[in-house]
């Protein structure tokens, strides 16, 4: 049986701010829409489902994320995910320059949870709380 990962979906508080964050990091906006109707209710399992959506893609064309801002039913606010919590954990990106990427994140009010780690001189990496509390890992390959 063939299988291919299409994207990871993330519910957000503010789709515009989240699009700005990810496009500033280097992803491109592929498209956006507003979805609702019986098909959306059935697919998602929520009555009256109505959401703004946006799909973003990594520069290499291999990775995508789909953002949802729920208009109905109302979004349920949660605390930012912690690295040891069960469930959807994080979205991870390889970056060419982690310091430059962190500067971009800082312009959006997003900072490392603790700092930047060096893993055996192979990777520099960190977790940041992105917009809407999205846990984002940034990693720079030091061998390239």
Protein backbone atom coordinates (compact mmCIF):
# COMPACT_ATOMS: atom_id res chain seq x y z
CA UNK A 1 0.00 0.00 0.00
CA UNK A 2 1.44 3.38 -1.01
CA UNK A 3 1.48 6.20 1.53
CA UNK A 4 2.80 9.76 1.37
CA UNK A 5 2.79 12.45 4.05
CA UNK A 6 0.90 15.44 2.63
CA UNK A 7 1.19 17.96 5.46
CA UNK A 8 0.89 18.59 9.17
CA UNK A 9 -2.17 20.58 10.25
CA UNK A 10 -1.99 23.18 13.00
CA UNK A 11 -4.89 25.14 14.54
CA UNK A 12 -3.87 28.75 15.25
CA UNK A 13 -5.31 31.83 16.97
CA UNK A 14 -4.30 34.30 14.27
CA UNK A 15 -3.71 32.92 10.78
CA UNK A 16 -2.24 36.17 9.44
CA UNK A 17 0.39 36.41 12.19
CA UNK A 18 1.24 32.72 11.78
CA UNK A 19 1.57 33.03 7.99
CA UNK A 20 3.88 36.02 8.50
CA UNK A 21 6.04 34.05 10.96
CA UNK A 22 6.48 31.03 8.69
CA UNK A 23 6.97 33.02 5.46
CA UNK A 24 9.61 35.15 7.21
CA UNK A 25 11.38 31.90 8.15
CA UNK A 26 11.43 30.96 4.45
CA UNK A 27 8.28 28.96 3.72
CA UNK A 28 6.08 30.07 0.83
CA UNK A 29 2.33 30.47 0.90
CA UNK A 30 0.83 28.03 -1.61
CA UNK A 31 -2.80 28.96 -1.09
CA UNK A 32 -5.55 29.93 1.26
CA UNK A 33 -9.28 29.40 1.49
CA UNK A 34 -12.25 29.46 3.82
CA UNK A 35 -13.92 26.11 4.26
CA UNK A 36 -17.37 25.20 5.55
CA UNK A 37 -20.34 23.04 4.69
CA UNK A 38 -21.44 19.47 5.15
CA UNK A 39 -18.30 18.03 3.56
CA UNK A 40 -16.13 19.97 6.05
CA UNK A 41 -18.32 18.91 8.99
CA UNK A 42 -17.98 15.26 7.92
CA UNK A 43 -14.24 15.36 7.18
CA UNK A 44 -13.27 17.12 10.42
CA UNK A 45 -16.02 15.76 12.69
CA UNK A 46 -17.29 19.15 13.90
CA UNK A 47 -20.83 20.42 13.29
CA UNK A 48 -20.88 23.85 11.69
CA UNK A 49 -17.16 23.64 10.89
CA UNK A 50 -16.04 26.95 9.39
CA UNK A 51 -12.35 27.84 9.19
CA UNK A 52 -9.81 29.94 7.35
CA UNK A 53 -7.00 27.73 6.02
CA UNK A 54 -3.58 28.34 4.51
CA UNK A 55 -1.00 25.91 3.11
CA UNK A 56 2.70 26.74 3.31
CA UNK A 57 5.60 24.88 1.73
CA UNK A 58 9.31 24.59 2.44
CA UNK A 59 11.68 25.92 -0.25
CA UNK A 60 12.70 22.39 -1.28
CA UNK A 61 9.07 21.55 -2.06
CA UNK A 62 9.10 18.49 0.21
CA UNK A 63 7.36 19.72 3.36
CA UNK A 64 4.03 21.44 3.91
CA UNK A 65 2.02 22.70 6.85
CA UNK A 66 -1.66 23.56 6.79
CA UNK A 67 -2.87 26.23 9.18
CA UNK A 68 -6.48 26.50 10.42
CA UNK A 69 -8.10 29.46 12.15
CA UNK A 70 -11.51 28.29 13.36
CA UNK A 71 -14.38 30.71 12.95
CA UNK A 72 -16.92 28.12 14.16
CA UNK A 73 -16.98 26.32 16.46
CA UNK A 74 -14.94 28.70 18.55
CA UNK A 75 -11.28 27.79 18.94
CA UNK A 76 -10.32 26.37 22.32
CA UNK A 77 -7.26 28.07 23.73
CA UNK A 78 -4.63 25.81 25.33
CA UNK A 79 -1.32 26.31 27.02
CA UNK A 80 1.78 26.02 24.80
CA UNK A 81 2.87 22.40 24.38
CA UNK A 82 5.75 21.24 26.55
CA UNK A 83 8.39 18.94 25.04
CA UNK A 84 7.37 16.00 27.27
CA UNK A 85 3.58 16.16 26.71
CA UNK A 86 1.76 13.40 24.89
CA UNK A 87 0.25 14.32 21.53
CA UNK A 88 1.33 16.45 18.59
CA UNK A 89 4.81 17.46 19.60
CA UNK A 90 6.50 19.90 17.26
CA UNK A 91 7.22 20.92 13.73
CA UNK A 92 10.94 20.84 12.85
CA UNK A 93 12.88 22.74 10.22
CA UNK A 94 16.46 22.53 8.97
CA UNK A 95 17.84 26.05 8.58
CA UNK A 96 21.01 27.33 6.97
CA UNK A 97 21.77 29.84 9.75
CA UNK A 98 20.14 29.28 13.13
CA UNK A 99 21.12 32.71 14.46
CA UNK A 100 19.48 34.44 11.48
CA UNK A 101 16.38 32.26 11.92
CA UNK A 102 16.22 33.12 15.61
CA UNK A 103 16.44 36.82 14.74
CA UNK A 104 13.43 36.37 12.44
CA UNK A 105 11.55 34.50 15.17
CA UNK A 106 12.37 37.24 17.71
CA UNK A 107 10.78 39.86 15.44
CA UNK A 108 7.57 37.86 15.93
CA UNK A 109 8.03 37.68 19.72
CA UNK A 110 9.14 34.03 19.57
CA UNK A 111 12.20 32.90 21.53
CA UNK A 112 14.02 29.68 22.48
CA UNK A 113 12.64 27.75 25.45
CA UNK A 114 16.13 27.68 26.96
CA UNK A 115 18.87 28.38 24.44
CA UNK A 116 20.70 26.90 21.47
CA UNK A 117 22.30 23.50 21.99
CA UNK A 118 25.24 21.99 20.15
CA UNK A 119 24.78 18.28 19.51
CA UNK A 120 28.24 16.71 19.08
CA UNK A 121 29.32 19.46 16.65
CA UNK A 122 26.84 17.98 14.14
CA UNK A 123 23.80 20.20 14.81
CA UNK A 124 22.95 23.43 16.53
CA UNK A 125 19.32 23.17 17.58
CA UNK A 126 16.64 24.74 19.70
CA UNK A 127 12.92 24.63 20.43
CA UNK A 128 10.96 27.88 20.32
CA UNK A 129 7.37 28.71 21.15
CA UNK A 130 6.06 30.00 17.85
CA UNK A 131 2.77 31.81 17.21
CA UNK A 132 -0.27 30.26 18.92
CA UNK A 133 2.15 28.30 21.13
CA UNK A 134 3.30 26.10 18.22
CA UNK A 135 6.43 24.28 19.34
CA UNK A 136 8.99 24.78 16.54
CA UNK A 137 12.40 23.09 16.36
CA UNK A 138 15.12 24.80 14.35
CA UNK A 139 18.27 22.84 13.49
CA UNK A 140 21.41 23.89 11.62
CA UNK A 141 23.58 21.10 10.19
CA UNK A 142 27.17 21.99 11.15
CA UNK A 143 28.67 19.41 8.80
CA UNK A 144 27.69 21.34 5.66
